[in-house]
C-alpha atoms as a PDB file:
ATOM      1  CA  UNK A   1     -10.910  78.308  30.610  1.00  0.00           C
ATOM      2  CA  UNK A   2     -12.161  75.588  32.924  1.00  0.00           C
ATOM      3  CA  UNK A   3     -10.876  72.197  31.578  1.00  0.00           C
ATOM      4  CA  UNK A   4     -13.315  69.268  31.952  1.00  0.00           C
ATOM      5  CA  UNK A   5     -13.361  67.521  35.287  1.00  0.00           C
ATOM      6  CA  UNK A   6     -11.246  70.100  36.930  1.00  0.00           C
ATOM      7  CA  UNK A   7     -12.881  69.213  40.120  1.00  0.00           C
ATOM      8  CA  UNK A   8     -11.885  67.752  43.291  1.00  0.00           C
ATOM      9  CA  UNK A   9     -15.461  66.795  44.463  1.00  0.00           C
ATOM     10  CA  UNK A  10     -14.731  63.136  43.813  1.00  0.00           C
ATOM     11  CA  UNK A  11     -12.125  63.281  46.528  1.00  0.00           C
ATOM     12  CA  UNK A  12     -14.383  64.927  48.865  1.00  0.00           C
ATOM     13  CA  UNK A  13     -17.049  62.323  48.296  1.00  0.00           C
ATOM     14  CA  UNK A  14     -14.727  59.568  48.422  1.00  0.00           C
ATOM     15  CA  UNK A  15     -13.440  60.673  51.873  1.00  0.00           C
ATOM     16  CA  UNK A  16     -16.946  60.689  53.152  1.00  0.00           C
ATOM     17  CA  UNK A  17     -17.562  56.881  52.411  1.00  0.00           C
ATOM     18  CA  UNK A  18     -16.430  53.927  54.398  1.00  0.00           C
ATOM     19  CA  UNK A  19     -14.098  52.779  51.575  1.00  0.00           C
ATOM     20  CA  UNK A  20     -12.124  55.960  52.411  1.00  0.00           C
ATOM     21  CA  UNK A  21     -12.087  54.923  56.074  1.00  0.00           C
ATOM     22  CA  UNK A  22     -10.804  51.668  55.238  1.00  0.00           C
ATOM     23  CA  UNK A  23      -8.170  52.982  52.876  1.00  0.00           C
ATOM     24  CA  UNK A  24      -6.943  55.415  55.552  1.00  0.00           C
ATOM     25  CA  UNK A  25      -6.622  52.502  57.988  1.00  0.00           C
ATOM     26  CA  UNK A  26      -4.664  50.528  55.369  1.00  0.00           C
ATOM     27  CA  UNK A  27      -2.345  53.477  54.640  1.00  0.00           C
ATOM     28  CA  UNK A  28      -1.684  53.959  58.366  1.00  0.00           C
ATOM     29  CA  UNK A  29      -0.723  50.371  58.658  1.00  0.00           C
ATOM     30  CA  UNK A  30       1.559  50.420  55.642  1.00  0.00           C
ATOM     31  CA  UNK A  31       3.371  53.445  57.034  1.00  0.00           C
ATOM     32  CA  UNK A  32       3.589  51.905  60.406  1.00  0.00           C
ATOM     33  CA  UNK A  33       5.317  48.752  58.804  1.00  0.00           C
ATOM     34  CA  UNK A  34       7.522  50.877  56.622  1.00  0.00           C
ATOM     35  CA  UNK A  35       8.753  52.788  59.825  1.00  0.00           C
ATOM     36  CA  UNK A  36       9.371  49.493  61.626  1.00  0.00           C
ATOM     37  CA  UNK A  37      11.636  48.447  58.787  1.00  0.00           C
ATOM     38  CA  UNK A  38      13.687  51.639  59.010  1.00  0.00           C
ATOM     39  CA  UNK A  39      11.578  54.004  56.965  1.00  0.00           C
ATOM     40  CA  UNK A  40      11.446  54.751  53.167  1.00  0.00           C
ATOM     41  CA  UNK A  41      14.414  57.191  53.330  1.00  0.00           C
ATOM     42  CA  UNK A  42      14.847  60.236  51.304  1.00  0.00           C
ATOM     43  CA  UNK A  43      14.319  60.433  47.582  1.00  0.00           C
ATOM     44  CA  UNK A  44      15.942  62.637  44.958  1.00  0.00           C
ATOM     45  CA  UNK A  45      14.005  65.304  42.907  1.00  0.00           C
ATOM     46  CA  UNK A  46      14.521  63.038  39.847  1.00  0.00           C
ATOM     47  CA  UNK A  47      12.652  60.056  41.703  1.00  0.00           C
ATOM     48  CA  UNK A  48       9.559  62.206  42.012  1.00  0.00           C
ATOM     49  CA  UNK A  49       8.616  61.494  38.354  1.00  0.00           C
ATOM     50  CA  UNK A  50       8.723  57.832  37.323  1.00  0.00           C
ATOM     51  CA  UNK A  51       7.638  55.858  34.251  1.00  0.00           C
ATOM     52  CA  UNK A  52       5.037  53.263  35.014  1.00  0.00           C
ATOM     53  CA  UNK A  53       3.782  50.158  33.338  1.00  0.00           C
ATOM     54  CA  UNK A  54       1.229  47.351  33.718  1.00  0.00           C
ATOM     55  CA  UNK A  55       3.650  45.134  35.307  1.00  0.00           C
ATOM     56  CA  UNK A  56       4.884  47.617  38.023  1.00  0.00           C
ATOM     57  CA  UNK A  57       1.661  49.418  38.615  1.00  0.00           C
ATOM     58  CA  UNK A  58       0.673  47.625  41.967  1.00  0.00           C
ATOM     59  CA  UNK A  59       4.200  48.241  43.060  1.00  0.00           C
ATOM     60  CA  UNK A  60       4.809  51.835  41.896  1.00  0.00           C
ATOM     61  CA  UNK A  61       1.366  53.237  42.137  1.00  0.00           C
ATOM     62  CA  UNK A  62      -0.989  51.216  44.343  1.00  0.00           C
ATOM     63  CA  UNK A  63       1.596  50.413  47.071  1.00  0.00           C
ATOM     64  CA  UNK A  64       3.185  53.876  47.130  1.00  0.00           C
ATOM     65  CA  UNK A  65      -0.184  55.728  47.191  1.00  0.00           C
ATOM     66  CA  UNK A  66      -0.156  54.463  50.875  1.00  0.00           C
ATOM     67  CA  UNK A  67       2.468  56.919  51.598  1.00  0.00           C
ATOM     68  CA  UNK A  68       2.188  59.680  49.011  1.00  0.00           C
ATOM     69  CA  UNK A  69      -0.617  60.829  46.499  1.00  0.00           C
ATOM     70  CA  UNK A  70       0.307  59.556  43.091  1.00  0.00           C
ATOM     71  CA  UNK A  71      -0.718  61.602  40.193  1.00  0.00           C
ATOM     72  CA  UNK A  72      -1.157  59.643  36.904  1.00  0.00           C
ATOM     73  CA  UNK A  73      -0.331  61.356  33.641  1.00  0.00           C
ATOM     74  CA  UNK A  74      -1.805  59.314  30.721  1.00  0.00           C
ATOM     75  CA  UNK A  75       0.024  60.252  27.698  1.00  0.00           C
ATOM     76  CA  UNK A  76       1.281  59.274  24.116  1.00  0.00           C
ATOM     77  CA  UNK A  77       4.076  60.083  21.914  1.00  0.00           C
ATOM     78  CA  UNK A  78       1.729  61.262  19.120  1.00  0.00           C
ATOM     79  CA  UNK A  79      -0.219  63.463  21.426  1.00  0.00           C
ATOM     80  CA  UNK A  80       0.816  66.971  20.893  1.00  0.00           C
ATOM     81  CA  UNK A  81      -1.202  68.544  23.890  1.00  0.00           C
ATOM     82  CA  UNK A  82       0.468  65.852  26.123  1.00  0.00           C
ATOM     83  CA  UNK A  83       3.822  67.551  25.258  1.00  0.00           C
ATOM     84  CA  UNK A  84       2.630  70.898  26.468  1.00  0.00           C
ATOM     85  CA  UNK A  85       0.977  69.434  29.705  1.00  0.00           C
ATOM     86  CA  UNK A  86       3.506  66.827  30.830  1.00  0.00           C
ATOM     87  CA  UNK A  87       6.532  69.173  31.252  1.00  0.00           C
ATOM     88  CA  UNK A  88       4.294  71.314  33.537  1.00  0.00           C
ATOM     89  CA  UNK A  89       3.353  68.372  35.765  1.00  0.00           C
ATOM     90  CA  UNK A  90       6.942  67.157  35.866  1.00  0.00           C
ATOM     91  CA  UNK A  91       8.136  70.479  37.006  1.00  0.00           C
ATOM     92  CA  UNK A  92       5.231  70.761  39.683  1.00  0.00           C
ATOM     93  CA  UNK A  93       6.224  67.595  40.916  1.00  0.00           C
ATOM     94  CA  UNK A  94       9.647  68.775  41.805  1.00  0.00           C
ATOM     95  CA  UNK A  95       8.337  72.058  43.044  1.00  0.00           C
ATOM     96  CA  UNK A  96       5.827  70.432  45.469  1.00  0.00           C
ATOM     97  CA  UNK A  97       8.895  68.802  47.025  1.00  0.00           C
ATOM     98  CA  UNK A  98       7.468  65.341  47.586  1.00  0.00           C
ATOM     99  CA  UNK A  99       3.909  66.123  48.564  1.00  0.00           C
ATOM    100  CA  UNK A 100       2.671  64.027  45.487  1.00  0.00           C
ATOM    101  CA  UNK A 101       4.413  61.454  43.150  1.00  0.00           C
ATOM    102  CA  UNK A 102       4.029  61.748  39.335  1.00  0.00           C
ATOM    103  CA  UNK A 103       3.496  58.457  37.481  1.00  0.00           C
ATOM    104  CA  UNK A 104       3.536  58.699  33.776  1.00  0.00           C
ATOM    105  CA  UNK A 105       1.804  56.065  31.749  1.00  0.00           C
ATOM    106  CA  UNK A 106       2.190  55.654  27.934  1.00  0.00           C
ATOM    107  CA  UNK A 107      -1.365  54.582  26.797  1.00  0.00           C
ATOM    108  CA  UNK A 108      -0.005  52.961  23.605  1.00  0.00           C
ATOM    109  CA  UNK A 109       2.012  50.443  25.733  1.00  0.00           C
ATOM    110  CA  UNK A 110      -0.451  50.101  28.558  1.00  0.00           C
ATOM    111  CA  UNK A 111      -3.922  49.813  27.037  1.00  0.00           C
ATOM    112  CA  UNK A 112      -5.148  47.724  29.765  1.00  0.00           C
ATOM    113  CA  UNK A 113      -4.493  50.585  32.413  1.00  0.00           C
ATOM    114  CA  UNK A 114      -5.954  53.011  30.079  1.00  0.00           C
ATOM    115  CA  UNK A 115      -9.195  50.692  29.921  1.00  0.00           C
ATOM    116  CA  UNK A 116      -9.226  50.201  33.695  1.00  0.00           C
ATOM    117  CA  UNK A 117      -9.253  54.034  34.376  1.00  0.00           C
ATOM    118  CA  UNK A 118     -11.915  54.589  31.797  1.00  0.00           C
ATOM    119  CA  UNK A 119      -9.522  57.144  29.925  1.00  0.00           C
ATOM    120  CA  UNK A 120     -11.610  58.441  26.895  1.00  0.00           C
ATOM    121  CA  UNK A 121      -8.963  60.920  25.509  1.00  0.00           C
ATOM    122  CA  UNK A 122      -5.511  62.107  26.301  1.00  0.00           C
ATOM    123  CA  UNK A 123      -3.983  63.911  28.014  1.00  0.00           C
ATOM    124  CA  UNK A 124      -5.886  62.759  31.030  1.00  0.00           C
ATOM    125  CA  UNK A 125      -4.724  62.987  34.721  1.00  0.00           C
ATOM    126  CA  UNK A 126      -5.888  60.793  37.508  1.00  0.00           C
ATOM    127  CA  UNK A 127      -4.705  60.349  41.158  1.00  0.00           C
ATOM    128  CA  UNK A 128      -4.615  57.413  43.387  1.00  0.00           C
ATOM    129  CA  UNK A 129      -4.799  58.182  47.227  1.00  0.00           C
ATOM    130  CA  UNK A 130      -4.362  55.202  49.726  1.00  0.00           C
ATOM    131  CA  UNK A 131      -5.225  52.822  46.979  1.00  0.00           C
ATOM    132  CA  UNK A 132      -8.404  54.764  45.843  1.00  0.00           C
ATOM    133  CA  UNK A 133      -8.356  56.080  42.300  1.00  0.00           C
ATOM    134  CA  UNK A 134      -9.986  59.253  41.149  1.00  0.00           C
ATOM    135  CA  UNK A 135     -10.152  61.534  38.061  1.00  0.00           C
ATOM    136  CA  UNK A 136      -8.507  65.134  38.285  1.00  0.00           C
ATOM    137  CA  UNK A 137      -9.008  66.643  34.703  1.00  0.00           C
ATOM    138  CA  UNK A 138      -8.842  65.607  31.071  1.00  0.00           C
ATOM    139  CA  UNK A 139      -7.458  67.800  28.304  1.00  0.00           C
ATOM    140  CA  UNK A 140      -5.398  70.895  28.267  1.00  0.00           C
ATOM    141  CA  UNK A 141      -5.285  73.098  31.493  1.00  0.00           C
ATOM    142  CA  UNK A 142      -3.458  76.343  32.441  1.00  0.00           C
ATOM    143  CA  UNK A 143      -1.004  76.105  35.301  1.00  0.00           C
ATOM    144  CA  UNK A 144      -2.867  78.005  37.786  1.00  0.00           C
ATOM    145  CA  UNK A 145      -5.918  75.474  37.419  1.00  0.00           C
ATOM    146  CA  UNK A 146      -3.505  72.614  37.847  1.00  0.00           C
ATOM    147  CA  UNK A 147      -2.016  74.093  40.882  1.00  0.00           C
ATOM    148  CA  UNK A 148      -5.383  74.577  42.382  1.00  0.00           C
ATOM    149  CA  UNK A 149      -6.213  70.867  41.856  1.00  0.00           C
ATOM    150  CA  UNK A 150      -2.879  69.729  43.345  1.00  0.00           C
ATOM    151  CA  UNK A 151      -3.440  71.974  46.256  1.00  0.00           C
ATOM    152  CA  UNK A 152      -6.809  70.430  46.966  1.00  0.00           C
ATOM    153  CA  UNK A 153      -5.403  66.792  46.414  1.00  0.00           C
ATOM    154  CA  UNK A 154      -2.441  67.465  48.869  1.00  0.00           C
ATOM    155  CA  UNK A 155      -4.856  68.873  51.367  1.00  0.00           C
ATOM    156  CA  UNK A 156      -7.317  66.035  51.118  1.00  0.00           C
ATOM    157  CA  UNK A 157      -4.598  63.383  51.271  1.00  0.00           C
ATOM    158  CA  UNK A 158      -3.089  64.866  54.463  1.00  0.00           C
ATOM    159  CA  UNK A 159      -6.341  65.660  56.376  1.00  0.00           C
ATOM    160  CA  UNK A 160      -8.325  62.492  55.204  1.00  0.00           C
ATOM    161  CA  UNK A 161      -5.673  59.977  54.981  1.00  0.00           C
ATOM    162  CA  UNK A 162      -2.610  61.340  56.958  1.00  0.00           C
ATOM    163  CA  UNK A 163      -0.332  61.240  53.903  1.00  0.00           C
ATOM    164  CA  UNK A 164       2.268  63.807  54.366  1.00  0.00           C
ATOM    165  CA  UNK A 165       4.337  62.943  51.227  1.00  0.00           C
ATOM    166  CA  UNK A 166       7.976  61.928  50.729  1.00  0.00           C
ATOM    167  CA  UNK A 167      11.232  63.438  52.141  1.00  0.00           C
ATOM    168  CA  UNK A 168      13.313  64.839  49.498  1.00  0.00           C
ATOM    169  CA  UNK A 169      17.013  65.498  49.483  1.00  0.00           C
ATOM    170  CA  UNK A 170      17.744  68.113  46.870  1.00  0.00           C
ATOM    171  CA  UNK A 171      21.437  67.238  46.648  1.00  0.00           C
ATOM    172  CA  UNK A 172      20.724  63.559  45.809  1.00  0.00           C
ATOM    173  CA  UNK A 173      20.333  62.018  42.419  1.00  0.00           C
ATOM    174  CA  UNK A 174      18.829  58.608  41.367  1.00  0.00           C
ATOM    175  CA  UNK A 175      21.447  55.909  42.300  1.00  0.00           C
ATOM    176  CA  UNK A 176      22.943  57.887  45.004  1.00  0.00           C
ATOM    177  CA  UNK A 177      25.145  60.278  43.004  1.00  0.00           C
ATOM    178  CA  UNK A 178      24.942  64.010  42.608  1.00  0.00           C
ATOM    179  CA  UNK A 179      22.824  65.606  39.902  1.00  0.00           C
ATOM    180  CA  UNK A 180      24.453  66.474  36.624  1.00  0.00           C
ATOM    181  CA  UNK A 181      24.305  70.164  35.985  1.00  0.00           C
ATOM    182  CA  UNK A 182      21.560  71.206  33.617  1.00  0.00           C
ATOM    183  CA  UNK A 183      22.506  71.817  30.132  1.00  0.00           C
ATOM    184  CA  UNK A 184      21.945  75.348  28.944  1.00  0.00           C
ATOM    185  CA  UNK A 185      19.850  75.447  25.698  1.00  0.00           C
ATOM    186  CA  UNK A 186      21.511  76.812  22.706  1.00  0.00           C
ATOM    187  CA  UNK A 187      20.004  78.219  19.414  1.00  0.00           C
ATOM    188  CA  UNK A 188      18.961  81.459  18.111  1.00  0.00           C
ATOM    189  CA  UNK A 189      15.260  81.206  19.178  1.00  0.00           C
ATOM    190  CA  UNK A 190      15.645  79.383  22.480  1.00  0.00           C
ATOM    191  CA  UNK A 191      14.869  82.431  24.631  1.00  0.00           C
ATOM    192  CA  UNK A 192      11.623  83.142  22.759  1.00  0.00           C
ATOM    193  CA  UNK A 193      10.503  79.535  22.635  1.00  0.00           C
ATOM    194  CA  UNK A 194      11.176  79.408  26.288  1.00  0.00           C
ATOM    195  CA  UNK A 195       9.085  82.575  26.933  1.00  0.00           C
ATOM    196  CA  UNK A 196       6.237  80.966  24.960  1.00  0.00           C
ATOM    197  CA  UNK A 197       6.164  77.869  27.137  1.00  0.00           C
ATOM    198  CA  UNK A 198       6.312  79.912  30.398  1.00  0.00           C
ATOM    199  CA  UNK A 199       3.518  82.083  28.961  1.00  0.00           C
ATOM    200  CA  UNK A 200       1.525  78.845  28.231  1.00  0.00           C
ATOM    201  CA  UNK A 201       2.120  77.544  31.708  1.00  0.00           C
ATOM    202  CA  UNK A 202       0.969  80.865  33.246  1.00  0.00           C
ATOM    203  CA  UNK A 203      -2.109  80.875  31.056  1.00  0.00           C
ATOM    204  CA  UNK A 204      -1.176  83.829  29.128  1.00  0.00           C
ATOM    205  CA  UNK A 205      -1.864  82.535  25.886  1.00  0.00           C
ATOM    206  CA  UNK A 206      -1.795  85.779  23.907  1.00  0.00           C
ATOM    207  CA  UNK A 207       1.624  86.165  25.019  1.00  0.00           C
ATOM    208  CA  UNK A 208       2.495  82.524  23.870  1.00  0.00           C
ATOM    209  CA  UNK A 209       0.909  83.288  20.578  1.00  0.00           C
ATOM    210  CA  UNK A 210       3.061  86.368  19.880  1.00  0.00           C
ATOM    211  CA  UNK A 211       6.268  84.859  21.015  1.00  0.00           C
ATOM    212  CA  UNK A 212       5.660  81.906  18.652  1.00  0.00           C
ATOM    213  CA  UNK A 213       4.963  84.366  15.781  1.00  0.00           C
ATOM    214  CA  UNK A 214       8.037  86.132  16.526  1.00  0.00           C
ATOM    215  CA  UNK A 215      10.161  82.942  15.984  1.00  0.00           C
ATOM    216  CA  UNK A 216       8.205  82.075  12.879  1.00  0.00           C
ATOM    217  CA  UNK A 217       8.663  85.661  11.481  1.00  0.00           C
ATOM    218  CA  UNK A 218      12.509  84.835  11.454  1.00  0.00           C
ATOM    219  CA  UNK A 219      12.341  81.245  10.848  1.00  0.00           C
ATOM    220  CA  UNK A 220       9.180  80.183   8.969  1.00  0.00           C
ATOM    221  CA  UNK A 221       9.967  76.423   9.085  1.00  0.00           C
ATOM    222  CA  UNK A 222      10.611  76.104  12.849  1.00  0.00           C
ATOM    223  CA  UNK A 223       8.652  72.928  13.635  1.00  0.00           C
ATOM    224  CA  UNK A 224       8.351  73.598  17.377  1.00  0.00           C
ATOM    225  CA  UNK A 225       7.148  77.229  16.795  1.00  0.00           C
ATOM    226  CA  UNK A 226       4.545  75.991  14.296  1.00  0.00           C
ATOM    227  CA  UNK A 227       3.123  73.305  16.693  1.00  0.00           C
ATOM    228  CA  UNK A 228       3.352  75.791  19.686  1.00  0.00           C
ATOM    229  CA  UNK A 229       1.409  78.434  17.828  1.00  0.00           C
ATOM    230  CA  UNK A 230      -1.379  76.085  16.572  1.00  0.00           C
ATOM    231  CA  UNK A 231      -1.830  75.012  20.284  1.00  0.00           C
ATOM    232  CA  UNK A 232      -1.608  78.582  21.758  1.00  0.00           C
ATOM    233  CA  UNK A 233      -4.017  79.856  19.279  1.00  0.00           C
ATOM    234  CA  UNK A 234      -6.544  77.188  20.168  1.00  0.00           C
ATOM    235  CA  UNK A 235      -6.258  77.837  23.872  1.00  0.00           C
ATOM    236  CA  UNK A 236      -6.485  81.519  23.181  1.00  0.00           C
ATOM    237  CA  UNK A 237      -9.781  81.038  21.306  1.00  0.00           C
ATOM    238  CA  UNK A 238     -11.499  78.953  23.770  1.00  0.00           C
ATOM    239  CA  UNK A 239     -10.231  81.092  26.948  1.00  0.00           C
ATOM    240  CA  UNK A 240     -13.255  83.307  26.970  1.00  0.00           C
ATOM    241  CA  UNK A 241     -15.907  80.815  25.521  1.00  0.00           C
ATOM    242  CA  UNK A 242     -18.944  79.894  27.682  1.00  0.00           C
ATOM    243  CA  UNK A 243     -18.914  76.114  27.327  1.00  0.00           C
ATOM    244  CA  UNK A 244     -22.614  75.594  28.086  1.00  0.00           C
ATOM    245  CA  UNK A 245     -23.654  78.494  25.568  1.00  0.00           C
ATOM    246  CA  UNK A 246     -21.249  76.975  22.849  1.00  0.00           C
ATOM    247  CA  UNK A 247     -22.825  73.459  23.369  1.00  0.00           C
ATOM    248  CA  UNK A 248     -26.280  74.859  23.216  1.00  0.00           C
ATOM    249  CA  UNK A 249     -25.698  76.889  20.133  1.00  0.00           C
ATOM    250  CA  UNK A 250     -23.989  73.941  18.263  1.00  0.00           C
ATOM    251  CA  UNK A 251     -26.918  71.563  19.312  1.00  0.00           C
ATOM    252  CA  UNK A 252     -29.608  74.214  18.082  1.00  0.00           C
ATOM    253  CA  UNK A 253     -27.801  75.301  14.979  1.00  0.00           C
ATOM    254  CA  UNK A 254     -26.410  72.251  13.020  1.00  0.00           C
ATOM    255  CA  UNK A 255     -26.064  74.410   9.937  1.00  0.00           C
ATOM    256  CA  UNK A 256     -24.201  77.288  11.650  1.00  0.00           C
ATOM    257  CA  UNK A 257     -20.477  76.804  10.692  1.00  0.00           C
ATOM    258  CA  UNK A 258     -19.514  79.360  13.367  1.00  0.00           C
ATOM    259  CA  UNK A 259     -21.318  77.484  16.184  1.00  0.00           C
ATOM    260  CA  UNK A 260     -19.907  74.262  15.058  1.00  0.00           C
ATOM    261  CA  UNK A 261     -16.303  75.500  14.826  1.00  0.00           C
ATOM    262  CA  UNK A 262     -16.604  76.821  18.455  1.00  0.00           C
ATOM    263  CA  UNK A 263     -17.791  73.666  19.616  1.00  0.00           C
ATOM    264  CA  UNK A 264     -15.033  71.706  17.786  1.00  0.00           C
ATOM    265  CA  UNK A 265     -12.394  73.761  19.570  1.00  0.00           C
ATOM    266  CA  UNK A 266     -13.906  72.802  22.944  1.00  0.00           C
ATOM    267  CA  UNK A 267     -14.112  69.192  21.928  1.00  0.00           C
ATOM    268  CA  UNK A 268     -10.347  69.277  20.964  1.00  0.00           C
ATOM    269  CA  UNK A 269      -9.336  71.118  24.169  1.00  0.00           C
ATOM    270  CA  UNK A 270     -11.335  68.499  26.036  1.00  0.00           C
ATOM    271  CA  UNK A 271      -9.412  65.652  24.544  1.00  0.00           C
ATOM    272  CA  UNK A 272     -12.097  64.524  22.197  1.00  0.00           C
ATOM    273  CA  UNK A 273     -10.100  64.492  19.140  1.00  0.00           C
ATOM    274  CA  UNK A 274     -12.422  62.344  16.930  1.00  0.00           C
ATOM    275  CA  UNK A 275     -15.480  64.330  17.989  1.00  0.00           C
ATOM    276  CA  UNK A 276     -13.966  67.657  16.966  1.00  0.00           C
ATOM    277  CA  UNK A 277     -12.719  66.328  13.594  1.00  0.00           C
ATOM    278  CA  UNK A 278     -15.925  64.518  12.835  1.00  0.00           C
ATOM    279  CA  UNK A 279     -17.975  67.654  13.750  1.00  0.00           C
ATOM    280  CA  UNK A 280     -16.059  69.825  11.289  1.00  0.00           C
ATOM    281  CA  UNK A 281     -16.177  67.082   8.559  1.00  0.00           C
ATOM    282  CA  UNK A 282     -20.016  66.956   8.901  1.00  0.00           C
ATOM    283  CA  UNK A 283     -20.093  70.812   8.814  1.00  0.00           C
ATOM    284  CA  UNK A 284     -18.085  70.725   5.478  1.00  0.00           C
ATOM    285  CA  UNK A 285     -20.658  68.244   4.014  1.00  0.00           C
ATOM    286  CA  UNK A 286     -23.703  70.444   5.322  1.00  0.00           C
ATOM    287  CA  UNK A 287     -22.554  73.832   4.397  1.00  0.00           C
ATOM    288  CA  UNK A 288     -21.405  75.767   1.226  1.00  0.00           C
ATOM    289  CA  UNK A 289     -19.523  78.755   0.271  1.00  0.00           C
ATOM    290  CA  UNK A 290     -17.692  80.781   2.807  1.00  0.00           C
ATOM    291  CA  UNK A 291     -18.997  78.666   5.805  1.00  0.00           C
ATOM    292  CA  UNK A 292     -18.014  75.541   4.189  1.00  0.00           C
ATOM    293  CA  UNK A 293     -14.462  76.894   3.713  1.00  0.00           C
ATOM    294  CA  UNK A 294     -14.115  78.165   7.375  1.00  0.00           C
ATOM    295  CA  UNK A 295     -14.866  74.907   8.569  1.00  0.00           C
ATOM    296  CA  UNK A 296     -12.382  73.273   6.288  1.00  0.00           C
ATOM    297  CA  UNK A 297      -9.738  75.911   7.297  1.00  0.00           C
ATOM    298  CA  UNK A 298     -10.445  75.239  11.153  1.00  0.00           C
ATOM    299  CA  UNK A 299     -10.113  71.464  10.608  1.00  0.00           C
ATOM    300  CA  UNK A 300      -6.719  71.975   8.953  1.00  0.00           C
ATOM    301  CA  UNK A 301      -5.667  73.987  12.008  1.00  0.00           C
ATOM    302  CA  UNK A 302      -6.683  71.254  14.370  1.00  0.00           C
ATOM    303  CA  UNK A 303      -4.730  68.931  12.436  1.00  0.00           C
ATOM    304  CA  UNK A 304      -1.682  71.107  13.172  1.00  0.00           C
ATOM    305  CA  UNK A 305      -2.574  70.946  17.014  1.00  0.00           C
ATOM    306  CA  UNK A 306      -2.725  67.241  16.950  1.00  0.00           C
ATOM    307  CA  UNK A 307       0.043  66.464  14.716  1.00  0.00           C
ATOM    308  CA  UNK A 308       0.410  64.894  11.262  1.00  0.00           C
ATOM    309  CA  UNK A 309       1.715  61.677  12.737  1.00  0.00           C
ATOM    310  CA  UNK A 310      -1.462  60.939  14.629  1.00  0.00           C
ATOM    311  CA  UNK A 311      -3.414  58.186  12.836  1.00  0.00           C
ATOM    312  CA  UNK A 312      -6.638  60.180  13.612  1.00  0.00           C
ATOM    313  CA  UNK A 313      -5.329  62.925  11.460  1.00  0.00           C
ATOM    314  CA  UNK A 314      -4.790  60.666   8.576  1.00  0.00           C
ATOM    315  CA  UNK A 315      -8.347  59.159   8.794  1.00  0.00           C
ATOM    316  CA  UNK A 316      -9.932  62.601   9.012  1.00  0.00           C
ATOM    317  CA  UNK A 317      -8.065  63.912   5.985  1.00  0.00           C
ATOM    318  CA  UNK A 318      -9.385  61.039   3.961  1.00  0.00           C
ATOM    319  CA  UNK A 319     -12.939  61.710   5.321  1.00  0.00           C
ATOM    320  CA  UNK A 320     -12.346  65.407   4.581  1.00  0.00           C
ATOM    321  CA  UNK A 321     -11.454  64.554   0.937  1.00  0.00           C
ATOM    322  CA  UNK A 322     -14.600  62.509   0.649  1.00  0.00           C
ATOM    323  CA  UNK A 323     -16.576  65.418   2.146  1.00  0.00           C
ATOM    324  CA  UNK A 324     -15.239  67.954  -0.406  1.00  0.00           C
ATOM    325  CA  UNK A 325     -15.196  65.661  -3.555  1.00  0.00           C
END
């Protein structure tokens, strides 16, 4: 599966124009000034992931982007796909050892930043390099695709802008102390849940589905496994789809429930929650019998992916009830 906008062409284009040359000059000037003041010093691994708000954006993102590429993760507490993507980005930020900084922005608390970046749906990931913003990808993504994008970002940042990243002291902790030992997870299903997460990170969605099902076979009420299974099944379904053909079929066959269901899956994976819900509700209105029931069942499954606390789920449930009755 190739997530939407999983492309670094914007970076290459950016580097070719005058704005990029000016950004590089500014970055070099900033680094020189930092060096004259004694350097930025080493940071701890925990300092590679920061929470950013509108008040601190200039300092924490724009200014820092003169010394290191800043990857921005737009997320929200109600966004269930964000809860799968964000831990992967956080882990990779540490693994890349200072070659990029991860800035997490809660869209609910920072609507202005969301609008300024033109974010249409979350999760959405952008980067800022030497003060220049560019989109990386939107929606769910496998770890392999994320790594490829980050590798290209790091390469362009170094070659075009001279940004070599931050120096990381693995023994340091925020505030100058030593890091606390990691707590060992406890619980009867932790090993299976962890295996499922690793499978998702690796893009092995079939293995993730099986791991979550194994947990639910023993503990049918396990909330984490229910959510994880819904997400893993969605990603597994779309993994082999041809997005162009799916969109073509959906446009040409508005009465075909199967075509609309496949397109709705792609909508949701791409972060277009309301489009996915609206498509299936319209399909329920237009169809009858087994096709209508198939569209209704898939919509309920997508509700599980997004999460019942999302206000868009409540609105879609009401619209579905009107369509049915």
